[in-house]
Amino acid sequence: MTRAIESLAAIFKNFVDKEPKPLLHVGEVMDMWTAFTAFHEAQALYQVGLNTTTDPELKHVLMNTFEASKSDTKLVEDFLLKEGVPLPLVIRTSRYLIQFQFLKGLN
């Protein structure tokens, strides 16, 4: 019984520990950046699917997946900002910004 109480006390201590947490390792930051950019790329592909399909069931699945990807991206973004890590640059999928990037490259 003593071990069970010690185990519960150790678990509880993890949640109320006031020790400063170590900074993220460069590999952890790189993995989070990779996930962040992959989510943005996937969102662009989901939008392509939404704009090119006429099947209502597929549109429903793509919309749900797109919304889930947006919420995952927001979680990663919030985590990185909370840890003091700058966000990587991603090309936004809106039509205006893609045109702006294209025109910028012509100059």
PDB file of N, CA and C in Angstrom:
ATOM      1  N   MET A   1       0.819  -1.198   0.000  1.00  0.00           N
ATOM      2  CA  MET A   1       0.000   0.000   0.000  1.00  0.00           C
ATOM      3  C   MET A   1       0.859   1.257   0.000  1.00  0.00           C
ATOM      4  N   THR A   2       2.016   1.189   0.659  1.00  0.00           N
ATOM      5  CA  THR A   2       2.898   2.352   0.726  1.00  0.00           C
ATOM      6  C   THR A   2       3.378   2.733  -0.667  1.00  0.00           C
ATOM      7  N   ARG A   3       3.691   1.744  -1.490  1.00  0.00           N
ATOM      8  CA  ARG A   3       4.155   2.034  -2.850  1.00  0.00           C
ATOM      9  C   ARG A   3       3.081   2.741  -3.671  1.00  0.00           C
ATOM     10  N   ALA A   4       1.842   2.360  -3.490  1.00  0.00           N
ATOM     11  CA  ALA A   4       0.748   2.997  -4.234  1.00  0.00           C
ATOM     12  C   ALA A   4       0.628   4.462  -3.832  1.00  0.00           C
ATOM     13  N   ILE A   5       0.734   4.736  -2.549  1.00  0.00           N
ATOM     14  CA  ILE A   5       0.651   6.126  -2.081  1.00  0.00           C
ATOM     15  C   ILE A   5       1.845   6.929  -2.586  1.00  0.00           C
ATOM     16  N   GLU A   6       3.036   6.321  -2.552  1.00  0.00           N
ATOM     17  CA  GLU A   6       4.229   7.002  -3.067  1.00  0.00           C
ATOM     18  C   GLU A   6       4.088   7.280  -4.559  1.00  0.00           C
ATOM     19  N   SER A   7       3.529   6.334  -5.293  1.00  0.00           N
ATOM     20  CA  SER A   7       3.338   6.514  -6.734  1.00  0.00           C
ATOM     21  C   SER A   7       2.364   7.656  -7.018  1.00  0.00           C
ATOM     22  N   LEU A   8       1.262   7.675  -6.277  1.00  0.00           N
ATOM     23  CA  LEU A   8       0.294   8.758  -6.454  1.00  0.00           C
ATOM     24  C   LEU A   8       0.898  10.112  -6.082  1.00  0.00           C
ATOM     25  N   ALA A   9       1.687  10.137  -5.026  1.00  0.00           N
ATOM     26  CA  ALA A   9       2.341  11.386  -4.614  1.00  0.00           C
ATOM     27  C   ALA A   9       3.317  11.856  -5.691  1.00  0.00           C
ATOM     28  N   ALA A  10       4.052  10.928  -6.301  1.00  0.00           N
ATOM     29  CA  ALA A  10       4.995  11.288  -7.364  1.00  0.00           C
ATOM     30  C   ALA A  10       4.271  11.838  -8.583  1.00  0.00           C
ATOM     31  N   ILE A  11       3.146  11.224  -8.936  1.00  0.00           N
ATOM     32  CA  ILE A  11       2.365  11.711 -10.085  1.00  0.00           C
ATOM     33  C   ILE A  11       1.830  13.108  -9.798  1.00  0.00           C
ATOM     34  N   PHE A  12       1.297  13.295  -8.597  1.00  0.00           N
ATOM     35  CA  PHE A  12       0.763  14.610  -8.229  1.00  0.00           C
ATOM     36  C   PHE A  12       1.859  15.661  -8.207  1.00  0.00           C
ATOM     37  N   LYS A  13       3.058  15.274  -7.752  1.00  0.00           N
ATOM     38  CA  LYS A  13       4.179  16.219  -7.707  1.00  0.00           C
ATOM     39  C   LYS A  13       4.558  16.705  -9.105  1.00  0.00           C
ATOM     40  N   ASN A  14       4.416  15.845 -10.103  1.00  0.00           N
ATOM     41  CA  ASN A  14       4.732  16.243 -11.477  1.00  0.00           C
ATOM     42  C   ASN A  14       3.832  17.380 -11.959  1.00  0.00           C
ATOM     43  N   PHE A  15       2.598  17.420 -11.485  1.00  0.00           N
ATOM     44  CA  PHE A  15       1.664  18.446 -11.926  1.00  0.00           C
ATOM     45  C   PHE A  15       1.839  19.758 -11.181  1.00  0.00           C
ATOM     46  N   VAL A  16       2.397  19.727  -9.984  1.00  0.00           N
ATOM     47  CA  VAL A  16       2.544  20.948  -9.191  1.00  0.00           C
ATOM     48  C   VAL A  16       4.001  21.350  -9.012  1.00  0.00           C
ATOM     49  N   ASP A  17       4.891  20.713  -9.744  1.00  0.00           N
ATOM     50  CA  ASP A  17       6.314  21.002  -9.632  1.00  0.00           C
ATOM     51  C   ASP A  17       6.597  22.425 -10.107  1.00  0.00           C
ATOM     52  N   LYS A  18       7.304  23.191  -9.285  1.00  0.00           N
ATOM     53  CA  LYS A  18       7.604  24.585  -9.615  1.00  0.00           C
ATOM     54  C   LYS A  18       8.977  24.740 -10.276  1.00  0.00           C
ATOM     55  N   GLU A  19       9.695  23.646 -10.489  1.00  0.00           N
ATOM     56  CA  GLU A  19      10.999  23.741 -11.123  1.00  0.00           C
ATOM     57  C   GLU A  19      10.843  24.225 -12.557  1.00  0.00           C
ATOM     58  N   PRO A  20      11.768  25.082 -12.998  1.00  0.00           N
ATOM     59  CA  PRO A  20      11.676  25.523 -14.399  1.00  0.00           C
ATOM     60  C   PRO A  20      11.940  24.358 -15.345  1.00  0.00           C
ATOM     61  N   LYS A  21      11.169  24.317 -16.391  1.00  0.00           N
ATOM     62  CA  LYS A  21      11.313  23.254 -17.381  1.00  0.00           C
ATOM     63  C   LYS A  21      12.482  23.580 -18.305  1.00  0.00           C
ATOM     64  N   PRO A  22      13.209  22.555 -18.769  1.00  0.00           N
ATOM     65  CA  PRO A  22      14.325  22.824 -19.685  1.00  0.00           C
ATOM     66  C   PRO A  22      13.803  23.334 -21.023  1.00  0.00           C
ATOM     67  N   LEU A  23      14.649  24.087 -21.701  1.00  0.00           N
ATOM     68  CA  LEU A  23      14.288  24.581 -23.029  1.00  0.00           C
ATOM     69  C   LEU A  23      14.198  23.417 -24.004  1.00  0.00           C
ATOM     70  N   LEU A  24      13.462  23.633 -25.066  1.00  0.00           N
ATOM     71  CA  LEU A  24      13.337  22.594 -26.088  1.00  0.00           C
ATOM     72  C   LEU A  24      14.688  22.362 -26.767  1.00  0.00           C
ATOM     73  N   HIS A  25      14.951  21.120 -27.081  1.00  0.00           N
ATOM     74  CA  HIS A  25      16.157  20.744 -27.809  1.00  0.00           C
ATOM     75  C   HIS A  25      15.981  21.133 -29.273  1.00  0.00           C
ATOM     76  N   VAL A  26      17.062  21.412 -29.966  1.00  0.00           N
ATOM     77  CA  VAL A  26      16.983  21.841 -31.359  1.00  0.00           C
ATOM     78  C   VAL A  26      16.265  20.797 -32.222  1.00  0.00           C
ATOM     79  N   GLY A  27      16.443  19.519 -31.920  1.00  0.00           N
ATOM     80  CA  GLY A  27      15.750  18.469 -32.671  1.00  0.00           C
ATOM     81  C   GLY A  27      14.255  18.502 -32.433  1.00  0.00           C
ATOM     82  N   GLU A  28      13.850  18.810 -31.202  1.00  0.00           N
ATOM     83  CA  GLU A  28      12.426  18.915 -30.899  1.00  0.00           C
ATOM     84  C   GLU A  28      11.803  20.090 -31.644  1.00  0.00           C
ATOM     85  N   VAL A  29      12.527  21.207 -31.686  1.00  0.00           N
ATOM     86  CA  VAL A  29      12.034  22.380 -32.411  1.00  0.00           C
ATOM     87  C   VAL A  29      11.926  22.070 -33.898  1.00  0.00           C
ATOM     88  N   MET A  30      12.918  21.391 -34.436  1.00  0.00           N
ATOM     89  CA  MET A  30      12.886  21.049 -35.856  1.00  0.00           C
ATOM     90  C   MET A  30      11.691  20.150 -36.171  1.00  0.00           C
ATOM     91  N   ASP A  31      11.427  19.176 -35.294  1.00  0.00           N
ATOM     92  CA  ASP A  31      10.275  18.293 -35.513  1.00  0.00           C
ATOM     93  C   ASP A  31       8.960  19.068 -35.447  1.00  0.00           C
ATOM     94  N   MET A  32       8.852  20.000 -34.520  1.00  0.00           N
ATOM     95  CA  MET A  32       7.630  20.802 -34.412  1.00  0.00           C
ATOM     96  C   MET A  32       7.469  21.701 -35.636  1.00  0.00           C
ATOM     97  N   TRP A  33       8.559  22.284 -36.121  1.00  0.00           N
ATOM     98  CA  TRP A  33       8.499  23.097 -37.333  1.00  0.00           C
ATOM     99  C   TRP A  33       8.069  22.244 -38.522  1.00  0.00           C
ATOM    100  N   THR A  34       8.614  21.029 -38.606  1.00  0.00           N
ATOM    101  CA  THR A  34       8.247  20.131 -39.702  1.00  0.00           C
ATOM    102  C   THR A  34       6.762  19.803 -39.655  1.00  0.00           C
ATOM    103  N   ALA A  35       6.256  19.518 -38.473  1.00  0.00           N
ATOM    104  CA  ALA A  35       4.822  19.231 -38.325  1.00  0.00           C
ATOM    105  C   ALA A  35       3.992  20.452 -38.701  1.00  0.00           C
ATOM    106  N   PHE A  36       4.417  21.630 -38.257  1.00  0.00           N
ATOM    107  CA  PHE A  36       3.699  22.874 -38.541  1.00  0.00           C
ATOM    108  C   PHE A  36       3.593  23.116 -40.046  1.00  0.00           C
ATOM    109  N   THR A  37       4.709  22.980 -40.749  1.00  0.00           N
ATOM    110  CA  THR A  37       4.689  23.216 -42.199  1.00  0.00           C
ATOM    111  C   THR A  37       3.942  22.101 -42.932  1.00  0.00           C
ATOM    112  N   ALA A  38       4.039  20.863 -42.432  1.00  0.00           N
ATOM    113  CA  ALA A  38       3.304  19.756 -43.069  1.00  0.00           C
ATOM    114  C   ALA A  38       1.800  19.957 -42.924  1.00  0.00           C
ATOM    115  N   PHE A  39       1.358  20.440 -41.761  1.00  0.00           N
ATOM    116  CA  PHE A  39      -0.070  20.713 -41.576  1.00  0.00           C
ATOM    117  C   PHE A  39      -0.535  21.796 -42.544  1.00  0.00           C
ATOM    118  N   HIS A  40       0.276  22.829 -42.740  1.00  0.00           N
ATOM    119  CA  HIS A  40      -0.102  23.883 -43.681  1.00  0.00           C
ATOM    120  C   HIS A  40      -0.164  23.352 -45.112  1.00  0.00           C
ATOM    121  N   GLU A  41       0.787  22.502 -45.467  1.00  0.00           N
ATOM    122  CA  GLU A  41       0.777  21.924 -46.812  1.00  0.00           C
ATOM    123  C   GLU A  41      -0.446  21.027 -46.999  1.00  0.00           C
ATOM    124  N   ALA A  42      -0.770  20.247 -45.982  1.00  0.00           N
ATOM    125  CA  ALA A  42      -1.943  19.372 -46.060  1.00  0.00           C
ATOM    126  C   ALA A  42      -3.216  20.194 -46.207  1.00  0.00           C
ATOM    127  N   GLN A  43      -3.295  21.326 -45.514  1.00  0.00           N
ATOM    128  CA  GLN A  43      -4.479  22.179 -45.623  1.00  0.00           C
ATOM    129  C   GLN A  43      -4.666  22.675 -47.045  1.00  0.00           C
ATOM    130  N   ALA A  44      -3.573  22.997 -47.706  1.00  0.00           N
ATOM    131  CA  ALA A  44      -3.666  23.430 -49.106  1.00  0.00           C
ATOM    132  C   ALA A  44      -4.203  22.292 -49.983  1.00  0.00           C
ATOM    133  N   LEU A  45      -3.747  21.074 -49.720  1.00  0.00           N
ATOM    134  CA  LEU A  45      -4.218  19.931 -50.501  1.00  0.00           C
ATOM    135  C   LEU A  45      -5.688  19.635 -50.218  1.00  0.00           C
ATOM    136  N   TYR A  46      -6.109  19.785 -48.959  1.00  0.00           N
ATOM    137  CA  TYR A  46      -7.523  19.590 -48.639  1.00  0.00           C
ATOM    138  C   TYR A  46      -8.381  20.629 -49.358  1.00  0.00           C
ATOM    139  N   GLN A  47      -7.895  21.852 -49.447  1.00  0.00           N
ATOM    140  CA  GLN A  47      -8.641  22.900 -50.147  1.00  0.00           C
ATOM    141  C   GLN A  47      -8.748  22.588 -51.635  1.00  0.00           C
ATOM    142  N   VAL A  48      -7.681  22.050 -52.210  1.00  0.00           N
ATOM    143  CA  VAL A  48      -7.733  21.643 -53.619  1.00  0.00           C
ATOM    144  C   VAL A  48      -8.806  20.571 -53.792  1.00  0.00           C
ATOM    145  N   GLY A  49      -8.825  19.593 -52.909  1.00  0.00           N
ATOM    146  CA  GLY A  49      -9.838  18.548 -52.978  1.00  0.00           C
ATOM    147  C   GLY A  49     -11.246  19.102 -52.832  1.00  0.00           C
ATOM    148  N   LEU A  50     -11.420  20.035 -51.891  1.00  0.00           N
ATOM    149  CA  LEU A  50     -12.742  20.643 -51.702  1.00  0.00           C
ATOM    150  C   LEU A  50     -13.193  21.421 -52.932  1.00  0.00           C
ATOM    151  N   ASN A  51     -12.256  22.053 -53.609  1.00  0.00           N
ATOM    152  CA  ASN A  51     -12.600  22.871 -54.770  1.00  0.00           C
ATOM    153  C   ASN A  51     -12.766  22.073 -56.060  1.00  0.00           C
ATOM    154  N   THR A  52     -12.342  20.805 -56.049  1.00  0.00           N
ATOM    155  CA  THR A  52     -12.398  20.057 -57.309  1.00  0.00           C
ATOM    156  C   THR A  52     -13.347  18.866 -57.282  1.00  0.00           C
ATOM    157  N   THR A  53     -13.897  18.537 -56.131  1.00  0.00           N
ATOM    158  CA  THR A  53     -14.800  17.388 -56.079  1.00  0.00           C
ATOM    159  C   THR A  53     -16.255  17.838 -56.061  1.00  0.00           C
ATOM    160  N   THR A  54     -17.106  16.963 -56.555  1.00  0.00           N
ATOM    161  CA  THR A  54     -18.547  17.235 -56.518  1.00  0.00           C
ATOM    162  C   THR A  54     -19.277  16.226 -55.636  1.00  0.00           C
ATOM    163  N   ASP A  55     -18.558  15.211 -55.155  1.00  0.00           N
ATOM    164  CA  ASP A  55     -19.165  14.180 -54.309  1.00  0.00           C
ATOM    165  C   ASP A  55     -19.418  14.756 -52.909  1.00  0.00           C
ATOM    166  N   PRO A  56     -20.672  14.802 -52.462  1.00  0.00           N
ATOM    167  CA  PRO A  56     -20.980  15.397 -51.160  1.00  0.00           C
ATOM    168  C   PRO A  56     -20.354  14.652 -49.982  1.00  0.00           C
ATOM    169  N   GLU A  57     -20.247  13.327 -50.072  1.00  0.00           N
ATOM    170  CA  GLU A  57     -19.626  12.568 -48.981  1.00  0.00           C
ATOM    171  C   GLU A  57     -18.142  12.880 -48.877  1.00  0.00           C
ATOM    172  N   LEU A  58     -17.478  12.949 -50.015  1.00  0.00           N
ATOM    173  CA  LEU A  58     -16.055  13.271 -50.024  1.00  0.00           C
ATOM    174  C   LEU A  58     -15.820  14.698 -49.530  1.00  0.00           C
ATOM    175  N   LYS A  59     -16.693  15.619 -49.934  1.00  0.00           N
ATOM    176  CA  LYS A  59     -16.578  16.995 -49.450  1.00  0.00           C
ATOM    177  C   LYS A  59     -16.712  17.049 -47.930  1.00  0.00           C
ATOM    178  N   HIS A  60     -17.643  16.255 -47.383  1.00  0.00           N
ATOM    179  CA  HIS A  60     -17.842  16.214 -45.937  1.00  0.00           C
ATOM    180  C   HIS A  60     -16.573  15.704 -45.232  1.00  0.00           C
ATOM    181  N   VAL A  61     -16.002  14.639 -45.760  1.00  0.00           N
ATOM    182  CA  VAL A  61     -14.774  14.075 -45.176  1.00  0.00           C
ATOM    183  C   VAL A  61     -13.629  15.074 -45.270  1.00  0.00           C
ATOM    184  N   LEU A  62     -13.479  15.691 -46.444  1.00  0.00           N
ATOM    185  CA  LEU A  62     -12.402  16.668 -46.622  1.00  0.00           C
ATOM    186  C   LEU A  62     -12.576  17.873 -45.708  1.00  0.00           C
ATOM    187  N   MET A  63     -13.804  18.329 -45.526  1.00  0.00           N
ATOM    188  CA  MET A  63     -14.048  19.475 -44.655  1.00  0.00           C
ATOM    189  C   MET A  63     -13.721  19.140 -43.206  1.00  0.00           C
ATOM    190  N   ASN A  64     -14.124  17.952 -42.756  1.00  0.00           N
ATOM    191  CA  ASN A  64     -13.799  17.528 -41.397  1.00  0.00           C
ATOM    192  C   ASN A  64     -12.290  17.407 -41.196  1.00  0.00           C
ATOM    193  N   THR A  65     -11.620  16.838 -42.191  1.00  0.00           N
ATOM    194  CA  THR A  65     -10.171  16.688 -42.115  1.00  0.00           C
ATOM    195  C   THR A  65      -9.484  18.041 -42.136  1.00  0.00           C
ATOM    196  N   PHE A  66      -9.978  18.943 -42.963  1.00  0.00           N
ATOM    197  CA  PHE A  66      -9.414  20.289 -43.041  1.00  0.00           C
ATOM    198  C   PHE A  66      -9.549  21.009 -41.697  1.00  0.00           C
ATOM    199  N   GLU A  67     -10.719  20.924 -41.081  1.00  0.00           N
ATOM    200  CA  GLU A  67     -10.941  21.571 -39.780  1.00  0.00           C
ATOM    201  C   GLU A  67     -10.054  20.947 -38.700  1.00  0.00           C
ATOM    202  N   ALA A  68      -9.898  19.626 -38.726  1.00  0.00           N
ATOM    203  CA  ALA A  68      -9.029  18.956 -37.750  1.00  0.00           C
ATOM    204  C   ALA A  68      -7.579  19.388 -37.936  1.00  0.00           C
ATOM    205  N   SER A  69      -7.166  19.530 -39.187  1.00  0.00           N
ATOM    206  CA  SER A  69      -5.796  19.967 -39.464  1.00  0.00           C
ATOM    207  C   SER A  69      -5.581  21.392 -38.980  1.00  0.00           C
ATOM    208  N   LYS A  70      -6.593  22.244 -39.149  1.00  0.00           N
ATOM    209  CA  LYS A  70      -6.474  23.615 -38.661  1.00  0.00           C
ATOM    210  C   LYS A  70      -6.326  23.650 -37.141  1.00  0.00           C
ATOM    211  N   SER A  71      -7.086  22.812 -36.441  1.00  0.00           N
ATOM    212  CA  SER A  71      -6.993  22.806 -34.977  1.00  0.00           C
ATOM    213  C   SER A  71      -5.643  22.233 -34.522  1.00  0.00           C
ATOM    214  N   ASP A  72      -5.125  21.220 -35.234  1.00  0.00           N
ATOM    215  CA  ASP A  72      -3.807  20.685 -34.902  1.00  0.00           C
ATOM    216  C   ASP A  72      -2.723  21.734 -35.135  1.00  0.00           C
ATOM    217  N   THR A  73      -2.844  22.459 -36.225  1.00  0.00           N
ATOM    218  CA  THR A  73      -1.888  23.519 -36.517  1.00  0.00           C
ATOM    219  C   THR A  73      -1.907  24.579 -35.432  1.00  0.00           C
ATOM    220  N   LYS A  74      -3.098  24.923 -34.971  1.00  0.00           N
ATOM    221  CA  LYS A  74      -3.226  25.927 -33.902  1.00  0.00           C
ATOM    222  C   LYS A  74      -2.582  25.432 -32.612  1.00  0.00           C
ATOM    223  N   LEU A  75      -2.747  24.144 -32.284  1.00  0.00           N
ATOM    224  CA  LEU A  75      -2.108  23.587 -31.094  1.00  0.00           C
ATOM    225  C   LEU A  75      -0.589  23.678 -31.179  1.00  0.00           C
ATOM    226  N   VAL A  76      -0.026  23.306 -32.329  1.00  0.00           N
ATOM    227  CA  VAL A  76       1.422  23.375 -32.510  1.00  0.00           C
ATOM    228  C   VAL A  76       1.885  24.823 -32.446  1.00  0.00           C
ATOM    229  N   GLU A  77       1.152  25.722 -33.095  1.00  0.00           N
ATOM    230  CA  GLU A  77       1.507  27.140 -33.086  1.00  0.00           C
ATOM    231  C   GLU A  77       1.498  27.700 -31.664  1.00  0.00           C
ATOM    232  N   ASP A  78       0.458  27.408 -30.911  1.00  0.00           N
ATOM    233  CA  ASP A  78       0.375  27.885 -29.531  1.00  0.00           C
ATOM    234  C   ASP A  78       1.513  27.334 -28.681  1.00  0.00           C
ATOM    235  N   PHE A  79       1.828  26.057 -28.872  1.00  0.00           N
ATOM    236  CA  PHE A  79       2.913  25.439 -28.109  1.00  0.00           C
ATOM    237  C   PHE A  79       4.244  26.116 -28.421  1.00  0.00           C
ATOM    238  N   LEU A  80       4.541  26.310 -29.708  1.00  0.00           N
ATOM    239  CA  LEU A  80       5.803  26.937 -30.089  1.00  0.00           C
ATOM    240  C   LEU A  80       5.906  28.355 -29.528  1.00  0.00           C
ATOM    241  N   LEU A  81       4.829  29.111 -29.624  1.00  0.00           N
ATOM    242  CA  LEU A  81       4.855  30.476 -29.111  1.00  0.00           C
ATOM    243  C   LEU A  81       5.003  30.491 -27.589  1.00  0.00           C
ATOM    244  N   LYS A  82       4.357  29.562 -26.907  1.00  0.00           N
ATOM    245  CA  LYS A  82       4.461  29.473 -25.449  1.00  0.00           C
ATOM    246  C   LYS A  82       5.897  29.159 -25.031  1.00  0.00           C
ATOM    247  N   GLU A  83       6.587  28.352 -25.826  1.00  0.00           N
ATOM    248  CA  GLU A  83       7.970  27.982 -25.531  1.00  0.00           C
ATOM    249  C   GLU A  83       8.971  29.038 -26.001  1.00  0.00           C
ATOM    250  N   GLY A  84       8.481  30.093 -26.654  1.00  0.00           N
ATOM    251  CA  GLY A  84       9.368  31.161 -27.108  1.00  0.00           C
ATOM    252  C   GLY A  84      10.089  30.857 -28.405  1.00  0.00           C
ATOM    253  N   VAL A  85       9.555  29.943 -29.188  1.00  0.00           N
ATOM    254  CA  VAL A  85      10.165  29.548 -30.456  1.00  0.00           C
ATOM    255  C   VAL A  85       9.467  30.310 -31.577  1.00  0.00           C
ATOM    256  N   PRO A  86      10.239  30.993 -32.449  1.00  0.00           N
ATOM    257  CA  PRO A  86       9.598  31.690 -33.570  1.00  0.00           C
ATOM    258  C   PRO A  86       8.996  30.687 -34.559  1.00  0.00           C
ATOM    259  N   LEU A  87       7.908  31.103 -35.167  1.00  0.00           N
ATOM    260  CA  LEU A  87       7.234  30.229 -36.129  1.00  0.00           C
ATOM    261  C   LEU A  87       7.978  30.233 -37.459  1.00  0.00           C
ATOM    262  N   PRO A  88       8.010  29.080 -38.139  1.00  0.00           N
ATOM    263  CA  PRO A  88       8.633  29.056 -39.462  1.00  0.00           C
ATOM    264  C   PRO A  88       7.763  29.797 -40.468  1.00  0.00           C
ATOM    265  N   LEU A  89       8.391  30.283 -41.514  1.00  0.00           N
ATOM    266  CA  LEU A  89       7.638  30.956 -42.568  1.00  0.00           C
ATOM    267  C   LEU A  89       6.962  29.914 -43.436  1.00  0.00           C
ATOM    268  N   VAL A  90       5.684  30.088 -43.680  1.00  0.00           N
ATOM    269  CA  VAL A  90       4.937  29.206 -44.576  1.00  0.00           C
ATOM    270  C   VAL A  90       4.209  30.086 -45.578  1.00  0.00           C
ATOM    271  N   ILE A  91       4.068  29.568 -46.795  1.00  0.00           N
ATOM    272  CA  ILE A  91       3.328  30.301 -47.811  1.00  0.00           C
ATOM    273  C   ILE A  91       1.853  30.074 -47.545  1.00  0.00           C
ATOM    274  N   ARG A  92       1.122  31.127 -47.341  1.00  0.00           N
ATOM    275  CA  ARG A  92      -0.314  31.017 -47.089  1.00  0.00           C
ATOM    276  C   ARG A  92      -0.998  30.551 -48.366  1.00  0.00           C
ATOM    277  N   THR A  93      -2.108  29.878 -48.198  1.00  0.00           N
ATOM    278  CA  THR A  93      -2.775  29.297 -49.359  1.00  0.00           C
ATOM    279  C   THR A  93      -3.830  30.221 -49.954  1.00  0.00           C
ATOM    280  N   SER A  94      -3.981  31.404 -49.391  1.00  0.00           N
ATOM    281  CA  SER A  94      -4.983  32.288 -49.973  1.00  0.00           C
ATOM    282  C   SER A  94      -4.519  32.756 -51.350  1.00  0.00           C
ATOM    283  N   ARG A  95      -5.436  32.993 -52.202  1.00  0.00           N
ATOM    284  CA  ARG A  95      -5.146  33.349 -53.587  1.00  0.00           C
ATOM    285  C   ARG A  95      -4.310  34.632 -53.673  1.00  0.00           C
ATOM    286  N   TYR A  96      -4.643  35.621 -52.833  1.00  0.00           N
ATOM    287  CA  TYR A  96      -3.936  36.895 -52.876  1.00  0.00           C
ATOM    288  C   TYR A  96      -2.457  36.711 -52.572  1.00  0.00           C
ATOM    289  N   LEU A  97      -2.137  35.962 -51.528  1.00  0.00           N
ATOM    290  CA  LEU A  97      -0.744  35.829 -51.143  1.00  0.00           C
ATOM    291  C   LEU A  97       0.043  34.985 -52.134  1.00  0.00           C
ATOM    292  N   ILE A  98      -0.591  33.964 -52.739  1.00  0.00           N
ATOM    293  CA  ILE A  98       0.112  33.183 -53.750  1.00  0.00           C
ATOM    294  C   ILE A  98       0.411  34.062 -54.956  1.00  0.00           C
ATOM    295  N   GLN A  99      -0.542  34.898 -55.372  1.00  0.00           N
ATOM    296  CA  GLN A  99      -0.291  35.817 -56.476  1.00  0.00           C
ATOM    297  C   GLN A  99       0.803  36.802 -56.106  1.00  0.00           C
ATOM    298  N   PHE A 100       0.799  37.277 -54.856  1.00  0.00           N
ATOM    299  CA  PHE A 100       1.817  38.223 -54.418  1.00  0.00           C
ATOM    300  C   PHE A 100       3.200  37.580 -54.485  1.00  0.00           C
ATOM    301  N   GLN A 101       3.322  36.336 -54.028  1.00  0.00           N
ATOM    302  CA  GLN A 101       4.606  35.641 -54.080  1.00  0.00           C
ATOM    303  C   GLN A 101       5.050  35.465 -55.536  1.00  0.00           C
ATOM    304  N   PHE A 102       4.113  35.144 -56.428  1.00  0.00           N
ATOM    305  CA  PHE A 102       4.445  34.951 -57.819  1.00  0.00           C
ATOM    306  C   PHE A 102       4.919  36.251 -58.445  1.00  0.00           C
ATOM    307  N   LEU A 103       4.193  37.344 -58.197  1.00  0.00           N
ATOM    308  CA  LEU A 103       4.586  38.623 -58.759  1.00  0.00           C
ATOM    309  C   LEU A 103       5.892  39.122 -58.167  1.00  0.00           C
ATOM    310  N   LYS A 104       6.112  38.846 -56.901  1.00  0.00           N
ATOM    311  CA  LYS A 104       7.356  39.255 -56.242  1.00  0.00           C
ATOM    312  C   LYS A 104       8.552  38.585 -56.922  1.00  0.00           C
ATOM    313  N   GLY A 105       8.381  37.316 -57.334  1.00  0.00           N
ATOM    314  CA  GLY A 105       9.472  36.587 -57.982  1.00  0.00           C
ATOM    315  C   GLY A 105       9.769  37.091 -59.379  1.00  0.00           C
ATOM    316  N   LEU A 106       8.832  37.799 -60.011  1.00  0.00           N
ATOM    317  CA  LEU A 106       9.057  38.309 -61.366  1.00  0.00           C
ATOM    318  C   LEU A 106       9.910  39.567 -61.388  1.00  0.00           C
ATOM    319  N   ASN A 107       9.959  40.273 -60.290  1.00  0.00           N
ATOM    320  CA  ASN A 107      10.720  41.540 -60.253  1.00  0.00           C
ATOM    321  C   ASN A 107      12.190  41.324 -60.137  1.00  0.00           C
TER     322      ASN A 107
END
